[in-house]
Amino acid sequence: MGLFDFLSNEGDKKPVEPANKPAAGGGTDFFGNNANAASNTAAAGDTYTVVSGDSLSKIAKHHYGDAAKWHQIYDANKGVIGSNPDLIEVGQVLTLPKL
């Protein structure tokens, strides 16, 4: 079989279709995350911009009255914060989920 053998029987073969087509107006972003998840999360709670000296537990204490609820803030913002909840940066905008 040669490199150009596929040209000889053009009428016999159809172009390959994608396995799954993305939904119109939706789908995933570059990293495979739900493209609509950010807008859904933002609608679920308030936002907070990190300032110098903040930690997730301080934010949780101020907004929820319980520093132990920092886990909920982290879970809602893993895409913004990253894998280490101790490394939040000044200027990050966090979603504060409704509890």
C-alpha atoms as a PDB file:
ATOM      1  CA  MET A   1       0.000   0.000   0.000  1.00  0.00           C
ATOM      2  CA  GLY A   2       1.432   3.315  -1.058  1.00  0.00           C
ATOM      3  CA  LEU A   3       1.141   6.760   0.413  1.00  0.00           C
ATOM      4  CA  PHE A   4      -1.447   7.927  -2.131  1.00  0.00           C
ATOM      5  CA  ASP A   5      -3.486   4.700  -2.498  1.00  0.00           C
ATOM      6  CA  PHE A   6      -6.436   6.304  -0.694  1.00  0.00           C
ATOM      7  CA  LEU A   7      -6.939   8.604  -3.702  1.00  0.00           C
ATOM      8  CA  SER A   8      -7.813   5.762  -6.063  1.00  0.00           C
ATOM      9  CA  ASN A   9     -11.145   4.870  -4.388  1.00  0.00           C
ATOM     10  CA  GLU A  10     -12.473   8.285  -3.437  1.00  0.00           C
ATOM     11  CA  GLY A  11     -16.101   7.351  -4.076  1.00  0.00           C
ATOM     12  CA  ASP A  12     -15.993   4.375  -1.689  1.00  0.00           C
ATOM     13  CA  LYS A  13     -15.059   6.276   1.451  1.00  0.00           C
ATOM     14  CA  LYS A  14     -16.722   9.005   3.470  1.00  0.00           C
ATOM     15  CA  PRO A  15     -14.979  11.644   5.574  1.00  0.00           C
ATOM     16  CA  VAL A  16     -14.571  10.727   9.205  1.00  0.00           C
ATOM     17  CA  GLU A  17     -17.095  12.421  11.507  1.00  0.00           C
ATOM     18  CA  PRO A  18     -16.056  13.658  14.959  1.00  0.00           C
ATOM     19  CA  ALA A  19     -16.963  11.256  17.768  1.00  0.00           C
ATOM     20  CA  ASN A  20     -18.986  13.873  19.636  1.00  0.00           C
ATOM     21  CA  LYS A  21     -19.840  17.357  18.552  1.00  0.00           C
ATOM     22  CA  PRO A  22     -19.781  20.130  21.171  1.00  0.00           C
ATOM     23  CA  ALA A  23     -23.159  21.581  22.086  1.00  0.00           C
ATOM     24  CA  ALA A  24     -23.919  24.981  20.622  1.00  0.00           C
ATOM     25  CA  GLY A  25     -23.038  27.760  23.041  1.00  0.00           C
ATOM     26  CA  GLY A  26     -21.469  25.403  25.559  1.00  0.00           C
ATOM     27  CA  GLY A  27     -18.891  22.662  25.760  1.00  0.00           C
ATOM     28  CA  THR A  28     -15.604  22.783  27.549  1.00  0.00           C
ATOM     29  CA  ASP A  29     -12.794  25.247  27.874  1.00  0.00           C
ATOM     30  CA  PHE A  30      -9.135  24.601  27.040  1.00  0.00           C
ATOM     31  CA  PHE A  31      -8.638  22.513  30.204  1.00  0.00           C
ATOM     32  CA  GLY A  32     -11.717  20.328  29.716  1.00  0.00           C
ATOM     33  CA  ASN A  33     -13.779  22.132  32.357  1.00  0.00           C
ATOM     34  CA  ASN A  34     -17.442  22.880  31.824  1.00  0.00           C
ATOM     35  CA  ALA A  35     -17.503  26.282  30.109  1.00  0.00           C
ATOM     36  CA  ASN A  36     -20.727  27.241  31.874  1.00  0.00           C
ATOM     37  CA  ALA A  37     -19.508  26.228  35.357  1.00  0.00           C
ATOM     38  CA  ALA A  38     -17.933  29.609  36.094  1.00  0.00           C
ATOM     39  CA  SER A  39     -21.136  31.486  35.367  1.00  0.00           C
ATOM     40  CA  ASN A  40     -23.182  28.965  37.375  1.00  0.00           C
ATOM     41  CA  THR A  41     -20.810  29.235  40.339  1.00  0.00           C
ATOM     42  CA  ALA A  42     -20.829  33.026  40.269  1.00  0.00           C
ATOM     43  CA  ALA A  43     -24.623  33.026  40.381  1.00  0.00           C
ATOM     44  CA  ALA A  44     -24.543  30.794  43.456  1.00  0.00           C
ATOM     45  CA  GLY A  45     -22.838  33.303  45.770  1.00  0.00           C
ATOM     46  CA  ASP A  46     -21.015  36.562  46.352  1.00  0.00           C
ATOM     47  CA  THR A  47     -17.490  37.377  45.236  1.00  0.00           C
ATOM     48  CA  TYR A  48     -14.558  38.547  47.314  1.00  0.00           C
ATOM     49  CA  THR A  49     -11.244  40.040  46.194  1.00  0.00           C
ATOM     50  CA  VAL A  50      -8.252  38.851  48.218  1.00  0.00           C
ATOM     51  CA  VAL A  51      -6.284  41.557  50.046  1.00  0.00           C
ATOM     52  CA  SER A  52      -2.919  41.453  51.792  1.00  0.00           C
ATOM     53  CA  GLY A  53      -2.982  39.342  54.960  1.00  0.00           C
ATOM     54  CA  ASP A  54      -5.985  37.244  53.931  1.00  0.00           C
ATOM     55  CA  SER A  55      -6.301  33.506  54.323  1.00  0.00           C
ATOM     56  CA  LEU A  56      -9.221  31.277  53.468  1.00  0.00           C
ATOM     57  CA  SER A  57      -9.966  30.793  57.169  1.00  0.00           C
ATOM     58  CA  LYS A  58      -9.988  34.574  57.790  1.00  0.00           C
ATOM     59  CA  ILE A  59     -12.348  35.071  54.857  1.00  0.00           C
ATOM     60  CA  ALA A  60     -14.600  32.261  56.110  1.00  0.00           C
ATOM     61  CA  LYS A  61     -14.625  33.711  59.646  1.00  0.00           C
ATOM     62  CA  HIS A  62     -15.589  37.160  58.331  1.00  0.00           C
ATOM     63  CA  HIS A  63     -18.297  35.991  55.885  1.00  0.00           C
ATOM     64  CA  TYR A  64     -19.702  32.885  57.564  1.00  0.00           C
ATOM     65  CA  GLY A  65     -18.765  33.451  61.209  1.00  0.00           C
ATOM     66  CA  ASP A  66     -16.836  30.155  61.242  1.00  0.00           C
ATOM     67  CA  ALA A  67     -13.192  29.838  60.174  1.00  0.00           C
ATOM     68  CA  ALA A  68     -13.618  26.071  59.703  1.00  0.00           C
ATOM     69  CA  LYS A  69     -15.795  26.706  56.623  1.00  0.00           C
ATOM     70  CA  TRP A  70     -12.710  27.627  54.577  1.00  0.00           C
ATOM     71  CA  HIS A  71     -13.057  24.232  52.845  1.00  0.00           C
ATOM     72  CA  GLN A  72     -16.269  25.366  51.140  1.00  0.00           C
ATOM     73  CA  ILE A  73     -14.538  28.467  49.788  1.00  0.00           C
ATOM     74  CA  TYR A  74     -11.609  26.377  48.569  1.00  0.00           C
ATOM     75  CA  ASP A  75     -13.860  23.786  46.884  1.00  0.00           C
ATOM     76  CA  ALA A  76     -15.724  26.535  45.018  1.00  0.00           C
ATOM     77  CA  ASN A  77     -12.471  28.162  43.846  1.00  0.00           C
ATOM     78  CA  LYS A  78     -10.011  25.349  43.087  1.00  0.00           C
ATOM     79  CA  GLY A  79      -9.630  26.616  39.520  1.00  0.00           C
ATOM     80  CA  VAL A  80      -8.565  30.059  40.765  1.00  0.00           C
ATOM     81  CA  ILE A  81      -6.496  29.014  43.794  1.00  0.00           C
ATOM     82  CA  GLY A  82      -4.809  25.872  42.492  1.00  0.00           C
ATOM     83  CA  SER A  83      -3.775  22.773  44.401  1.00  0.00           C
ATOM     84  CA  ASN A  84      -2.491  24.530  47.546  1.00  0.00           C
ATOM     85  CA  PRO A  85      -5.202  26.315  49.562  1.00  0.00           C
ATOM     86  CA  ASP A  86      -2.522  28.141  51.571  1.00  0.00           C
ATOM     87  CA  LEU A  87      -1.325  30.036  48.486  1.00  0.00           C
ATOM     88  CA  ILE A  88      -3.958  32.637  47.707  1.00  0.00           C
ATOM     89  CA  GLU A  89      -2.748  35.805  46.023  1.00  0.00           C
ATOM     90  CA  VAL A  90      -3.692  39.446  46.450  1.00  0.00           C
ATOM     91  CA  GLY A  91      -6.171  40.429  43.745  1.00  0.00           C
ATOM     92  CA  GLN A  92      -7.684  36.982  43.198  1.00  0.00           C
ATOM     93  CA  VAL A  93     -11.467  37.142  42.950  1.00  0.00           C
ATOM     94  CA  LEU A  94     -13.044  34.288  44.900  1.00  0.00           C
ATOM     95  CA  THR A  95     -16.623  33.081  44.796  1.00  0.00           C
ATOM     96  CA  LEU A  96     -18.161  32.756  48.252  1.00  0.00           C
ATOM     97  CA  PRO A  97     -20.769  29.995  47.976  1.00  0.00           C
ATOM     98  CA  LYS A  98     -24.063  30.294  49.785  1.00  0.00           C
ATOM     99  CA  LEU A  99     -24.218  27.834  52.646  1.00  0.00           C
END
